[in-house]
Amino acid sequence: IGLAETEAIPVVALHMIESWLLGDKKALEIAFRVSIPNHEMPSKPEYLWGEKTDPNSSYPKNYLKRLIAKSDKRYADFKGNQKDFCEIAEASDLECMRKNCPISFEKFYMDFVNMTLSCPY
């Protein structure tokens, strides 16, 4: 199907995805088969930010790498890749993500729901 033949376009939110991956502690624990102490999880993952090139910054991907690396010695050299991100996303609970990422994920979720409700198909 070409774009001229459809009224909807699939969307992927690229700029916030690492923050969203930090929005569901249980999904991280399931994906990596680890236990993460509550105090290690960011309370507001959407507010994490820092220098992307500084591995010690609070840039969401860097935070995620450190979090997983600390959780189990098997992940001491954890880098994170698309497969890892997909496993986290598959284990994620939408309601948990909506609650923990109310600014961007909730908006993304509601925009998607509204788009699908208005789709005639």
PDB file of N, CA and C in Angstrom:
ATOM      1  N   ILE A   1       0.850  -1.179   0.000  1.00  0.00           N
ATOM      2  CA  ILE A   1       0.000   0.000   0.000  1.00  0.00           C
ATOM      3  C   ILE A   1       0.890   1.235   0.000  1.00  0.00           C
ATOM      4  N   GLY A   2       0.648   2.149  -0.887  1.00  0.00           N
ATOM      5  CA  GLY A   2       1.352   3.416  -0.908  1.00  0.00           C
ATOM      6  C   GLY A   2       0.678   4.395   0.032  1.00  0.00           C
ATOM      7  N   LEU A   3       1.345   5.485   0.345  1.00  0.00           N
ATOM      8  CA  LEU A   3       0.770   6.468   1.262  1.00  0.00           C
ATOM      9  C   LEU A   3      -0.499   7.098   0.710  1.00  0.00           C
ATOM     10  N   ALA A   4      -0.621   7.177  -0.604  1.00  0.00           N
ATOM     11  CA  ALA A   4      -1.825   7.758  -1.193  1.00  0.00           C
ATOM     12  C   ALA A   4      -3.044   6.872  -0.984  1.00  0.00           C
ATOM     13  N   GLU A   5      -2.820   5.616  -0.642  1.00  0.00           N
ATOM     14  CA  GLU A   5      -3.922   4.667  -0.487  1.00  0.00           C
ATOM     15  C   GLU A   5      -4.332   4.449   0.957  1.00  0.00           C
ATOM     16  N   THR A   6      -3.802   5.220   1.881  1.00  0.00           N
ATOM     17  CA  THR A   6      -4.110   5.026   3.290  1.00  0.00           C
ATOM     18  C   THR A   6      -4.341   6.369   3.978  1.00  0.00           C
ATOM     19  N   GLU A   7      -5.046   6.326   5.087  1.00  0.00           N
ATOM     20  CA  GLU A   7      -5.287   7.542   5.860  1.00  0.00           C
ATOM     21  C   GLU A   7      -4.479   7.568   7.146  1.00  0.00           C
ATOM     22  N   ALA A   8      -3.648   6.561   7.351  1.00  0.00           N
ATOM     23  CA  ALA A   8      -2.849   6.502   8.569  1.00  0.00           C
ATOM     24  C   ALA A   8      -1.415   6.163   8.216  1.00  0.00           C
ATOM     25  N   ILE A   9      -0.510   6.671   9.000  1.00  0.00           N
ATOM     26  CA  ILE A   9       0.907   6.400   8.812  1.00  0.00           C
ATOM     27  C   ILE A   9       1.434   5.840  10.129  1.00  0.00           C
ATOM     28  N   PRO A  10       2.126   4.686  10.089  1.00  0.00           N
ATOM     29  CA  PRO A  10       2.721   4.164  11.329  1.00  0.00           C
ATOM     30  C   PRO A  10       3.726   5.175  11.880  1.00  0.00           C
ATOM     31  N   VAL A  11       3.775   5.283  13.203  1.00  0.00           N
ATOM     32  CA  VAL A  11       4.675   6.251  13.816  1.00  0.00           C
ATOM     33  C   VAL A  11       5.573   5.566  14.830  1.00  0.00           C
ATOM     34  N   VAL A  12       6.765   6.053  14.944  1.00  0.00           N
ATOM     35  CA  VAL A  12       7.699   5.589  15.950  1.00  0.00           C
ATOM     36  C   VAL A  12       8.294   6.829  16.598  1.00  0.00           C
ATOM     37  N   ALA A  13       8.203   6.899  17.892  1.00  0.00           N
ATOM     38  CA  ALA A  13       8.742   8.045  18.623  1.00  0.00           C
ATOM     39  C   ALA A  13      10.209   7.791  18.917  1.00  0.00           C
ATOM     40  N   LEU A  14      11.080   8.449  18.208  1.00  0.00           N
ATOM     41  CA  LEU A  14      12.502   8.173  18.343  1.00  0.00           C
ATOM     42  C   LEU A  14      13.181   8.919  19.479  1.00  0.00           C
ATOM     43  N   HIS A  15      12.807  10.154  19.716  1.00  0.00           N
ATOM     44  CA  HIS A  15      13.551  10.967  20.674  1.00  0.00           C
ATOM     45  C   HIS A  15      13.298  10.606  22.132  1.00  0.00           C
ATOM     46  N   MET A  16      12.206   9.962  22.440  1.00  0.00           N
ATOM     47  CA  MET A  16      11.873   9.673  23.833  1.00  0.00           C
ATOM     48  C   MET A  16      11.988   8.190  24.185  1.00  0.00           C
ATOM     49  N   ILE A  17      12.324   7.353  23.217  1.00  0.00           N
ATOM     50  CA  ILE A  17      12.215   5.910  23.457  1.00  0.00           C
ATOM     51  C   ILE A  17      13.076   5.426  24.626  1.00  0.00           C
ATOM     52  N   GLU A  18      14.286   5.946  24.793  1.00  0.00           N
ATOM     53  CA  GLU A  18      15.105   5.499  25.918  1.00  0.00           C
ATOM     54  C   GLU A  18      14.482   5.887  27.255  1.00  0.00           C
ATOM     55  N   SER A  19      13.868   7.048  27.315  1.00  0.00           N
ATOM     56  CA  SER A  19      13.174   7.441  28.539  1.00  0.00           C
ATOM     57  C   SER A  19      12.016   6.495  28.809  1.00  0.00           C
ATOM     58  N   TRP A  20      11.285   6.169  27.764  1.00  0.00           N
ATOM     59  CA  TRP A  20      10.146   5.265  27.927  1.00  0.00           C
ATOM     60  C   TRP A  20      10.591   3.886  28.389  1.00  0.00           C
ATOM     61  N   LEU A  21      11.748   3.434  27.925  1.00  0.00           N
ATOM     62  CA  LEU A  21      12.244   2.126  28.345  1.00  0.00           C
ATOM     63  C   LEU A  21      12.514   2.097  29.850  1.00  0.00           C
ATOM     64  N   LEU A  22      12.756   3.252  30.427  1.00  0.00           N
ATOM     65  CA  LEU A  22      12.974   3.361  31.870  1.00  0.00           C
ATOM     66  C   LEU A  22      11.672   3.580  32.630  1.00  0.00           C
ATOM     67  N   GLY A  23      10.557   3.560  31.931  1.00  0.00           N
ATOM     68  CA  GLY A  23       9.269   3.830  32.543  1.00  0.00           C
ATOM     69  C   GLY A  23       8.581   2.627  33.170  1.00  0.00           C
ATOM     70  N   ASP A  24       9.149   1.433  33.009  1.00  0.00           N
ATOM     71  CA  ASP A  24       8.513   0.232  33.551  1.00  0.00           C
ATOM     72  C   ASP A  24       9.581  -0.690  34.130  1.00  0.00           C
ATOM     73  N   LYS A  25       9.768  -0.602  35.427  1.00  0.00           N
ATOM     74  CA  LYS A  25      10.789  -1.394  36.132  1.00  0.00           C
ATOM     75  C   LYS A  25      10.584  -2.889  35.903  1.00  0.00           C
ATOM     76  N   LYS A  26       9.358  -3.333  36.003  1.00  0.00           N
ATOM     77  CA  LYS A  26       9.073  -4.758  35.849  1.00  0.00           C
ATOM     78  C   LYS A  26       9.458  -5.254  34.450  1.00  0.00           C
ATOM     79  N   ALA A  27       9.244  -4.435  33.430  1.00  0.00           N
ATOM     80  CA  ALA A  27       9.619  -4.826  32.066  1.00  0.00           C
ATOM     81  C   ALA A  27      11.129  -5.012  31.954  1.00  0.00           C
ATOM     82  N   LEU A  28      11.892  -4.146  32.592  1.00  0.00           N
ATOM     83  CA  LEU A  28      13.350  -4.291  32.589  1.00  0.00           C
ATOM     84  C   LEU A  28      13.758  -5.585  33.291  1.00  0.00           C
ATOM     85  N   GLU A  29      13.110  -5.851  34.421  1.00  0.00           N
ATOM     86  CA  GLU A  29      13.437  -7.059  35.178  1.00  0.00           C
ATOM     87  C   GLU A  29      13.091  -8.319  34.385  1.00  0.00           C
ATOM     88  N   ILE A  30      11.988  -8.288  33.673  1.00  0.00           N
ATOM     89  CA  ILE A  30      11.588  -9.438  32.853  1.00  0.00           C
ATOM     90  C   ILE A  30      12.544  -9.610  31.677  1.00  0.00           C
ATOM     91  N   ALA A  31      12.817  -8.530  30.978  1.00  0.00           N
ATOM     92  CA  ALA A  31      13.654  -8.597  29.776  1.00  0.00           C
ATOM     93  C   ALA A  31      15.063  -9.096  30.079  1.00  0.00           C
ATOM     94  N   PHE A  32      15.605  -8.696  31.223  1.00  0.00           N
ATOM     95  CA  PHE A  32      16.989  -9.055  31.546  1.00  0.00           C
ATOM     96  C   PHE A  32      17.113 -10.097  32.653  1.00  0.00           C
ATOM     97  N   ARG A  33      15.967 -10.534  33.186  1.00  0.00           N
ATOM     98  CA  ARG A  33      15.957 -11.524  34.268  1.00  0.00           C
ATOM     99  C   ARG A  33      16.846 -11.079  35.433  1.00  0.00           C
ATOM    100  N   VAL A  34      16.543  -9.857  35.903  1.00  0.00           N
ATOM    101  CA  VAL A  34      17.299  -9.263  37.004  1.00  0.00           C
ATOM    102  C   VAL A  34      16.325  -8.683  38.018  1.00  0.00           C
ATOM    103  N   SER A  35      16.863  -8.271  39.138  1.00  0.00           N
ATOM    104  CA  SER A  35      16.093  -7.551  40.146  1.00  0.00           C
ATOM    105  C   SER A  35      16.724  -6.173  40.291  1.00  0.00           C
ATOM    106  N   ILE A  36      15.914  -5.148  40.158  1.00  0.00           N
ATOM    107  CA  ILE A  36      16.410  -3.770  40.243  1.00  0.00           C
ATOM    108  C   ILE A  36      15.797  -3.117  41.486  1.00  0.00           C
ATOM    109  N   PRO A  37      16.632  -2.617  42.390  1.00  0.00           N
ATOM    110  CA  PRO A  37      16.095  -1.937  43.575  1.00  0.00           C
ATOM    111  C   PRO A  37      15.277  -0.711  43.165  1.00  0.00           C
ATOM    112  N   ASN A  38      14.189  -0.480  43.854  1.00  0.00           N
ATOM    113  CA  ASN A  38      13.314   0.657  43.544  1.00  0.00           C
ATOM    114  C   ASN A  38      14.068   1.978  43.504  1.00  0.00           C
ATOM    115  N   HIS A  39      15.004   2.157  44.436  1.00  0.00           N
ATOM    116  CA  HIS A  39      15.704   3.437  44.510  1.00  0.00           C
ATOM    117  C   HIS A  39      16.629   3.683  43.315  1.00  0.00           C
ATOM    118  N   GLU A  40      16.912   2.661  42.538  1.00  0.00           N
ATOM    119  CA  GLU A  40      17.767   2.821  41.353  1.00  0.00           C
ATOM    120  C   GLU A  40      16.980   3.342  40.148  1.00  0.00           C
ATOM    121  N   MET A  41      15.673   3.181  40.184  1.00  0.00           N
ATOM    122  CA  MET A  41      14.837   3.598  39.054  1.00  0.00           C
ATOM    123  C   MET A  41      14.576   5.097  39.107  1.00  0.00           C
ATOM    124  N   PRO A  42      14.626   5.754  37.963  1.00  0.00           N
ATOM    125  CA  PRO A  42      14.309   7.190  37.960  1.00  0.00           C
ATOM    126  C   PRO A  42      12.820   7.401  38.216  1.00  0.00           C
ATOM    127  N   SER A  43      12.480   8.362  39.046  1.00  0.00           N
ATOM    128  CA  SER A  43      11.064   8.605  39.348  1.00  0.00           C
ATOM    129  C   SER A  43      10.373   9.308  38.183  1.00  0.00           C
ATOM    130  N   LYS A  44      11.128  10.068  37.404  1.00  0.00           N
ATOM    131  CA  LYS A  44      10.573  10.791  36.255  1.00  0.00           C
ATOM    132  C   LYS A  44      11.507  10.600  35.058  1.00  0.00           C
ATOM    133  N   PRO A  45      11.398   9.459  34.396  1.00  0.00           N
ATOM    134  CA  PRO A  45      12.342   9.170  33.302  1.00  0.00           C
ATOM    135  C   PRO A  45      12.331  10.194  32.170  1.00  0.00           C
ATOM    136  N   GLU A  46      11.220  10.876  31.970  1.00  0.00           N
ATOM    137  CA  GLU A  46      11.151  11.877  30.899  1.00  0.00           C
ATOM    138  C   GLU A  46      12.031  13.098  31.186  1.00  0.00           C
ATOM    139  N   TYR A  47      12.391  13.305  32.438  1.00  0.00           N
ATOM    140  CA  TYR A  47      13.211  14.451  32.809  1.00  0.00           C
ATOM    141  C   TYR A  47      14.707  14.139  32.804  1.00  0.00           C
ATOM    142  N   LEU A  48      15.073  12.900  32.553  1.00  0.00           N
ATOM    143  CA  LEU A  48      16.492  12.553  32.488  1.00  0.00           C
ATOM    144  C   LEU A  48      17.106  13.204  31.257  1.00  0.00           C
ATOM    145  N   TRP A  49      18.233  13.805  31.464  1.00  0.00           N
ATOM    146  CA  TRP A  49      18.942  14.359  30.324  1.00  0.00           C
ATOM    147  C   TRP A  49      20.386  14.582  30.703  1.00  0.00           C
ATOM    148  N   GLY A  50      21.215  14.676  29.725  1.00  0.00           N
ATOM    149  CA  GLY A  50      22.633  14.886  29.952  1.00  0.00           C
ATOM    150  C   GLY A  50      23.363  14.782  28.634  1.00  0.00           C
ATOM    151  N   GLU A  51      24.655  14.851  28.723  1.00  0.00           N
ATOM    152  CA  GLU A  51      25.492  14.792  27.532  1.00  0.00           C
ATOM    153  C   GLU A  51      25.515  13.361  26.994  1.00  0.00           C
ATOM    154  N   LYS A  52      25.102  13.212  25.760  1.00  0.00           N
ATOM    155  CA  LYS A  52      25.007  11.894  25.115  1.00  0.00           C
ATOM    156  C   LYS A  52      26.359  11.168  25.100  1.00  0.00           C
ATOM    157  N   THR A  53      27.430  11.905  24.909  1.00  0.00           N
ATOM    158  CA  THR A  53      28.751  11.290  24.781  1.00  0.00           C
ATOM    159  C   THR A  53      29.423  11.008  26.120  1.00  0.00           C
ATOM    160  N   ASP A  54      28.826  11.452  27.216  1.00  0.00           N
ATOM    161  CA  ASP A  54      29.389  11.212  28.545  1.00  0.00           C
ATOM    162  C   ASP A  54      28.684  10.015  29.174  1.00  0.00           C
ATOM    163  N   PRO A  55      29.367   8.869  29.276  1.00  0.00           N
ATOM    164  CA  PRO A  55      28.712   7.668  29.814  1.00  0.00           C
ATOM    165  C   PRO A  55      28.235   7.806  31.255  1.00  0.00           C
ATOM    166  N   ASN A  56      28.716   8.819  31.971  1.00  0.00           N
ATOM    167  CA  ASN A  56      28.296   9.036  33.356  1.00  0.00           C
ATOM    168  C   ASN A  56      27.165  10.047  33.485  1.00  0.00           C
ATOM    169  N   SER A  57      26.686  10.562  32.357  1.00  0.00           N
ATOM    170  CA  SER A  57      25.615  11.557  32.402  1.00  0.00           C
ATOM    171  C   SER A  57      24.264  10.877  32.622  1.00  0.00           C
ATOM    172  N   SER A  58      23.263  11.699  32.818  1.00  0.00           N
ATOM    173  CA  SER A  58      21.907  11.175  32.979  1.00  0.00           C
ATOM    174  C   SER A  58      21.154  11.086  31.658  1.00  0.00           C
ATOM    175  N   TYR A  59      21.886  11.159  30.543  1.00  0.00           N
ATOM    176  CA  TYR A  59      21.257  10.919  29.248  1.00  0.00           C
ATOM    177  C   TYR A  59      20.568   9.552  29.352  1.00  0.00           C
ATOM    178  N   PRO A  60      19.290   9.436  28.966  1.00  0.00           N
ATOM    179  CA  PRO A  60      18.520   8.214  29.232  1.00  0.00           C
ATOM    180  C   PRO A  60      19.203   6.908  28.804  1.00  0.00           C
ATOM    181  N   LYS A  61      19.812   6.879  27.650  1.00  0.00           N
ATOM    182  CA  LYS A  61      20.467   5.644  27.204  1.00  0.00           C
ATOM    183  C   LYS A  61      21.662   5.313  28.101  1.00  0.00           C
ATOM    184  N   ASN A  62      22.408   6.333  28.523  1.00  0.00           N
ATOM    185  CA  ASN A  62      23.537   6.110  29.428  1.00  0.00           C
ATOM    186  C   ASN A  62      23.054   5.639  30.795  1.00  0.00           C
ATOM    187  N   TYR A  63      21.973   6.228  31.270  1.00  0.00           N
ATOM    188  CA  TYR A  63      21.379   5.825  32.545  1.00  0.00           C
ATOM    189  C   TYR A  63      20.947   4.363  32.474  1.00  0.00           C
ATOM    190  N   LEU A  64      20.287   3.995  31.370  1.00  0.00           N
ATOM    191  CA  LEU A  64      19.830   2.618  31.182  1.00  0.00           C
ATOM    192  C   LEU A  64      21.011   1.653  31.167  1.00  0.00           C
ATOM    193  N   LYS A  65      22.063   2.000  30.469  1.00  0.00           N
ATOM    194  CA  LYS A  65      23.256   1.137  30.413  1.00  0.00           C
ATOM    195  C   LYS A  65      23.817   0.894  31.807  1.00  0.00           C
ATOM    196  N   ARG A  66      23.956   1.973  32.577  1.00  0.00           N
ATOM    197  CA  ARG A  66      24.496   1.823  33.938  1.00  0.00           C
ATOM    198  C   ARG A  66      23.559   1.023  34.828  1.00  0.00           C
ATOM    199  N   LEU A  67      22.262   1.265  34.707  1.00  0.00           N
ATOM    200  CA  LEU A  67      21.271   0.566  35.519  1.00  0.00           C
ATOM    201  C   LEU A  67      21.345  -0.941  35.287  1.00  0.00           C
ATOM    202  N   ILE A  68      21.371  -1.339  34.034  1.00  0.00           N
ATOM    203  CA  ILE A  68      21.414  -2.765  33.715  1.00  0.00           C
ATOM    204  C   ILE A  68      22.768  -3.363  34.096  1.00  0.00           C
ATOM    205  N   ALA A  69      23.845  -2.650  33.833  1.00  0.00           N
ATOM    206  CA  ALA A  69      25.179  -3.141  34.179  1.00  0.00           C
ATOM    207  C   ALA A  69      25.315  -3.373  35.685  1.00  0.00           C
ATOM    208  N   LYS A  70      24.709  -2.486  36.494  1.00  0.00           N
ATOM    209  CA  LYS A  70      24.762  -2.638  37.960  1.00  0.00           C
ATOM    210  C   LYS A  70      23.879  -3.765  38.472  1.00  0.00           C
ATOM    211  N   SER A  71      22.865  -4.135  37.706  1.00  0.00           N
ATOM    212  CA  SER A  71      21.876  -5.088  38.197  1.00  0.00           C
ATOM    213  C   SER A  71      22.383  -6.520  38.264  1.00  0.00           C
ATOM    214  N   ASP A  72      23.359  -6.859  37.441  1.00  0.00           N
ATOM    215  CA  ASP A  72      23.854  -8.239  37.425  1.00  0.00           C
ATOM    216  C   ASP A  72      25.206  -8.274  36.718  1.00  0.00           C
ATOM    217  N   LYS A  73      26.146  -9.038  37.263  1.00  0.00           N
ATOM    218  CA  LYS A  73      27.496  -9.084  36.685  1.00  0.00           C
ATOM    219  C   LYS A  73      27.501  -9.606  35.250  1.00  0.00           C
ATOM    220  N   ARG A  74      26.449 -10.337  34.838  1.00  0.00           N
ATOM    221  CA  ARG A  74      26.371 -10.792  33.443  1.00  0.00           C
ATOM    222  C   ARG A  74      26.332  -9.619  32.482  1.00  0.00           C
ATOM    223  N   TYR A  75      25.867  -8.469  32.955  1.00  0.00           N
ATOM    224  CA  TYR A  75      25.690  -7.297  32.102  1.00  0.00           C
ATOM    225  C   TYR A  75      26.740  -6.219  32.343  1.00  0.00           C
ATOM    226  N   ALA A  76      27.887  -6.609  32.865  1.00  0.00           N
ATOM    227  CA  ALA A  76      28.936  -5.635  33.171  1.00  0.00           C
ATOM    228  C   ALA A  76      29.315  -4.792  31.952  1.00  0.00           C
ATOM    229  N   ASP A  77      29.261  -5.371  30.770  1.00  0.00           N
ATOM    230  CA  ASP A  77      29.613  -4.647  29.539  1.00  0.00           C
ATOM    231  C   ASP A  77      28.378  -4.317  28.709  1.00  0.00           C
ATOM    232  N   PHE A  78      27.235  -4.175  29.340  1.00  0.00           N
ATOM    233  CA  PHE A  78      25.987  -3.924  28.629  1.00  0.00           C
ATOM    234  C   PHE A  78      26.055  -2.631  27.815  1.00  0.00           C
ATOM    235  N   LYS A  79      25.678  -2.727  26.576  1.00  0.00           N
ATOM    236  CA  LYS A  79      25.648  -1.551  25.693  1.00  0.00           C
ATOM    237  C   LYS A  79      24.219  -1.187  25.300  1.00  0.00           C
ATOM    238  N   GLY A  80      23.345  -2.178  25.190  1.00  0.00           N
ATOM    239  CA  GLY A  80      21.972  -1.942  24.739  1.00  0.00           C
ATOM    240  C   GLY A  80      21.908  -1.902  23.229  1.00  0.00           C
ATOM    241  N   ASN A  81      20.976  -2.645  22.679  1.00  0.00           N
ATOM    242  CA  ASN A  81      20.811  -2.671  21.230  1.00  0.00           C
ATOM    243  C   ASN A  81      19.325  -2.795  20.893  1.00  0.00           C
ATOM    244  N   GLN A  82      19.029  -2.829  19.624  1.00  0.00           N
ATOM    245  CA  GLN A  82      17.636  -2.864  19.189  1.00  0.00           C
ATOM    246  C   GLN A  82      16.909  -4.089  19.733  1.00  0.00           C
ATOM    247  N   LYS A  83      17.570  -5.229  19.769  1.00  0.00           N
ATOM    248  CA  LYS A  83      16.951  -6.459  20.300  1.00  0.00           C
ATOM    249  C   LYS A  83      16.584  -6.261  21.781  1.00  0.00           C
ATOM    250  N   ASP A  84      17.497  -5.687  22.542  1.00  0.00           N
ATOM    251  CA  ASP A  84      17.224  -5.420  23.961  1.00  0.00           C
ATOM    252  C   ASP A  84      16.028  -4.491  24.119  1.00  0.00           C
ATOM    253  N   PHE A  85      16.008  -3.427  23.318  1.00  0.00           N
ATOM    254  CA  PHE A  85      14.926  -2.458  23.409  1.00  0.00           C
ATOM    255  C   PHE A  85      13.589  -3.093  23.044  1.00  0.00           C
ATOM    256  N   CYS A  86      13.601  -3.971  22.051  1.00  0.00           N
ATOM    257  CA  CYS A  86      12.364  -4.659  21.657  1.00  0.00           C
ATOM    258  C   CYS A  86      11.874  -5.574  22.777  1.00  0.00           C
ATOM    259  N   GLU A  87      12.789  -6.259  23.453  1.00  0.00           N
ATOM    260  CA  GLU A  87      12.400  -7.147  24.553  1.00  0.00           C
ATOM    261  C   GLU A  87      11.793  -6.349  25.711  1.00  0.00           C
ATOM    262  N   ILE A  88      12.369  -5.193  25.992  1.00  0.00           N
ATOM    263  CA  ILE A  88      11.811  -4.347  27.046  1.00  0.00           C
ATOM    264  C   ILE A  88      10.411  -3.880  26.639  1.00  0.00           C
ATOM    265  N   ALA A  89      10.291  -3.421  25.410  1.00  0.00           N
ATOM    266  CA  ALA A  89       8.994  -2.918  24.926  1.00  0.00           C
ATOM    267  C   ALA A  89       7.937  -4.014  24.966  1.00  0.00           C
ATOM    268  N   GLU A  90       8.298  -5.230  24.585  1.00  0.00           N
ATOM    269  CA  GLU A  90       7.337  -6.342  24.587  1.00  0.00           C
ATOM    270  C   GLU A  90       6.868  -6.673  25.994  1.00  0.00           C
ATOM    271  N   ALA A  91       7.738  -6.472  26.984  1.00  0.00           N
ATOM    272  CA  ALA A  91       7.385  -6.781  28.373  1.00  0.00           C
ATOM    273  C   ALA A  91       6.689  -5.608  29.074  1.00  0.00           C
ATOM    274  N   SER A  92       6.676  -4.451  28.441  1.00  0.00           N
ATOM    275  CA  SER A  92       6.140  -3.246  29.075  1.00  0.00           C
ATOM    276  C   SER A  92       4.624  -3.269  29.206  1.00  0.00           C
ATOM    277  N   ASP A  93       4.168  -2.701  30.291  1.00  0.00           N
ATOM    278  CA  ASP A  93       2.749  -2.545  30.564  1.00  0.00           C
ATOM    279  C   ASP A  93       2.353  -1.125  30.177  1.00  0.00           C
ATOM    280  N   LEU A  94       1.399  -0.993  29.269  1.00  0.00           N
ATOM    281  CA  LEU A  94       1.006   0.330  28.783  1.00  0.00           C
ATOM    282  C   LEU A  94       0.526   1.249  29.893  1.00  0.00           C
ATOM    283  N   GLU A  95      -0.223   0.714  30.837  1.00  0.00           N
ATOM    284  CA  GLU A  95      -0.725   1.557  31.927  1.00  0.00           C
ATOM    285  C   GLU A  95       0.421   2.066  32.799  1.00  0.00           C
ATOM    286  N   CYS A  96       1.403   1.226  33.024  1.00  0.00           N
ATOM    287  CA  CYS A  96       2.575   1.643  33.797  1.00  0.00           C
ATOM    288  C   CYS A  96       3.335   2.723  33.043  1.00  0.00           C
ATOM    289  N   MET A  97       3.509   2.539  31.749  1.00  0.00           N
ATOM    290  CA  MET A  97       4.208   3.524  30.926  1.00  0.00           C
ATOM    291  C   MET A  97       3.453   4.851  30.908  1.00  0.00           C
ATOM    292  N   ARG A  98       2.132   4.784  30.794  1.00  0.00           N
ATOM    293  CA  ARG A  98       1.324   6.000  30.785  1.00  0.00           C
ATOM    294  C   ARG A  98       1.470   6.755  32.108  1.00  0.00           C
ATOM    295  N   LYS A  99       1.510   6.007  33.196  1.00  0.00           N
ATOM    296  CA  LYS A  99       1.633   6.621  34.528  1.00  0.00           C
ATOM    297  C   LYS A  99       3.018   7.229  34.744  1.00  0.00           C
ATOM    298  N   ASN A 100       4.056   6.506  34.355  1.00  0.00           N
ATOM    299  CA  ASN A 100       5.425   6.940  34.634  1.00  0.00           C
ATOM    300  C   ASN A 100       6.004   7.903  33.606  1.00  0.00           C
ATOM    301  N   CYS A 101       5.385   7.987  32.448  1.00  0.00           N
ATOM    302  CA  CYS A 101       5.824   8.922  31.402  1.00  0.00           C
ATOM    303  C   CYS A 101       4.611   9.724  30.927  1.00  0.00           C
ATOM    304  N   PRO A 102       4.039  10.539  31.841  1.00  0.00           N
ATOM    305  CA  PRO A 102       2.779  11.216  31.538  1.00  0.00           C
ATOM    306  C   PRO A 102       2.876  12.342  30.502  1.00  0.00           C
ATOM    307  N   ILE A 103       4.053  12.858  30.290  1.00  0.00           N
ATOM    308  CA  ILE A 103       4.188  13.972  29.355  1.00  0.00           C
ATOM    309  C   ILE A 103       4.224  13.472  27.912  1.00  0.00           C
ATOM    310  N   SER A 104       5.145  12.592  27.630  1.00  0.00           N
ATOM    311  CA  SER A 104       5.346  12.190  26.236  1.00  0.00           C
ATOM    312  C   SER A 104       4.667  10.873  25.874  1.00  0.00           C
ATOM    313  N   PHE A 105       4.779   9.849  26.719  1.00  0.00           N
ATOM    314  CA  PHE A 105       4.168   8.574  26.339  1.00  0.00           C
ATOM    315  C   PHE A 105       2.648   8.664  26.371  1.00  0.00           C
ATOM    316  N   GLU A 106       2.114   9.311  27.389  1.00  0.00           N
ATOM    317  CA  GLU A 106       0.659   9.464  27.476  1.00  0.00           C
ATOM    318  C   GLU A 106       0.133  10.192  26.241  1.00  0.00           C
ATOM    319  N   LYS A 107       0.815  11.245  25.830  1.00  0.00           N
ATOM    320  CA  LYS A 107       0.404  11.993  24.639  1.00  0.00           C
ATOM    321  C   LYS A 107       0.495  11.110  23.399  1.00  0.00           C
ATOM    322  N   PHE A 108       1.600  10.393  23.255  1.00  0.00           N
ATOM    323  CA  PHE A 108       1.782   9.479  22.126  1.00  0.00           C
ATOM    324  C   PHE A 108       0.664   8.437  22.111  1.00  0.00           C
ATOM    325  N   TYR A 109       0.390   7.859  23.272  1.00  0.00           N
ATOM    326  CA  TYR A 109      -0.647   6.846  23.406  1.00  0.00           C
ATOM    327  C   TYR A 109      -2.023   7.401  23.009  1.00  0.00           C
ATOM    328  N   MET A 110      -2.367   8.550  23.561  1.00  0.00           N
ATOM    329  CA  MET A 110      -3.678   9.125  23.269  1.00  0.00           C
ATOM    330  C   MET A 110      -3.804   9.558  21.806  1.00  0.00           C
ATOM    331  N   ASP A 111      -2.735  10.089  21.238  1.00  0.00           N
ATOM    332  CA  ASP A 111      -2.760  10.441  19.812  1.00  0.00           C
ATOM    333  C   ASP A 111      -2.989   9.200  18.961  1.00  0.00           C
ATOM    334  N   PHE A 112      -2.336   8.107  19.324  1.00  0.00           N
ATOM    335  CA  PHE A 112      -2.498   6.863  18.578  1.00  0.00           C
ATOM    336  C   PHE A 112      -3.926   6.329  18.732  1.00  0.00           C
ATOM    337  N   VAL A 113      -4.447   6.332  19.947  1.00  0.00           N
ATOM    338  CA  VAL A 113      -5.814   5.869  20.184  1.00  0.00           C
ATOM    339  C   VAL A 113      -6.802   6.714  19.385  1.00  0.00           C
ATOM    340  N   ASN A 114      -6.655   8.025  19.442  1.00  0.00           N
ATOM    341  CA  ASN A 114      -7.562   8.909  18.704  1.00  0.00           C
ATOM    342  C   ASN A 114      -7.452   8.702  17.194  1.00  0.00           C
ATOM    343  N   MET A 115      -6.244   8.461  16.713  1.00  0.00           N
ATOM    344  CA  MET A 115      -6.053   8.214  15.296  1.00  0.00           C
ATOM    345  C   MET A 115      -6.760   6.924  14.874  1.00  0.00           C
ATOM    346  N   THR A 116      -6.638   5.884  15.699  1.00  0.00           N
ATOM    347  CA  THR A 116      -7.260   4.618  15.345  1.00  0.00           C
ATOM    348  C   THR A 116      -8.778   4.681  15.463  1.00  0.00           C
ATOM    349  N   LEU A 117      -9.273   5.468  16.423  1.00  0.00           N
ATOM    350  CA  LEU A 117     -10.729   5.611  16.571  1.00  0.00           C
ATOM    351  C   LEU A 117     -11.347   6.365  15.393  1.00  0.00           C
ATOM    352  N   SER A 118     -10.569   7.270  14.828  1.00  0.00           N
ATOM    353  CA  SER A 118     -11.102   8.055  13.706  1.00  0.00           C
ATOM    354  C   SER A 118     -10.862   7.394  12.353  1.00  0.00           C
ATOM    355  N   CYS A 119     -10.134   6.293  12.355  1.00  0.00           N
ATOM    356  CA  CYS A 119      -9.850   5.585  11.108  1.00  0.00           C
ATOM    357  C   CYS A 119     -11.110   4.819  10.660  1.00  0.00           C
ATOM    358  N   PRO A 120     -11.526   4.971   9.413  1.00  0.00           N
ATOM    359  CA  PRO A 120     -12.749   4.318   8.949  1.00  0.00           C
ATOM    360  C   PRO A 120     -12.609   2.803   8.713  1.00  0.00           C
ATOM    361  N   TYR A 121     -11.420   2.273   8.893  1.00  0.00           N
ATOM    362  CA  TYR A 121     -11.208   0.847   8.581  1.00  0.00           C
ATOM    363  C   TYR A 121     -11.385  -0.015   9.799  1.00  0.00           C
TER     364      TYR A 121
END
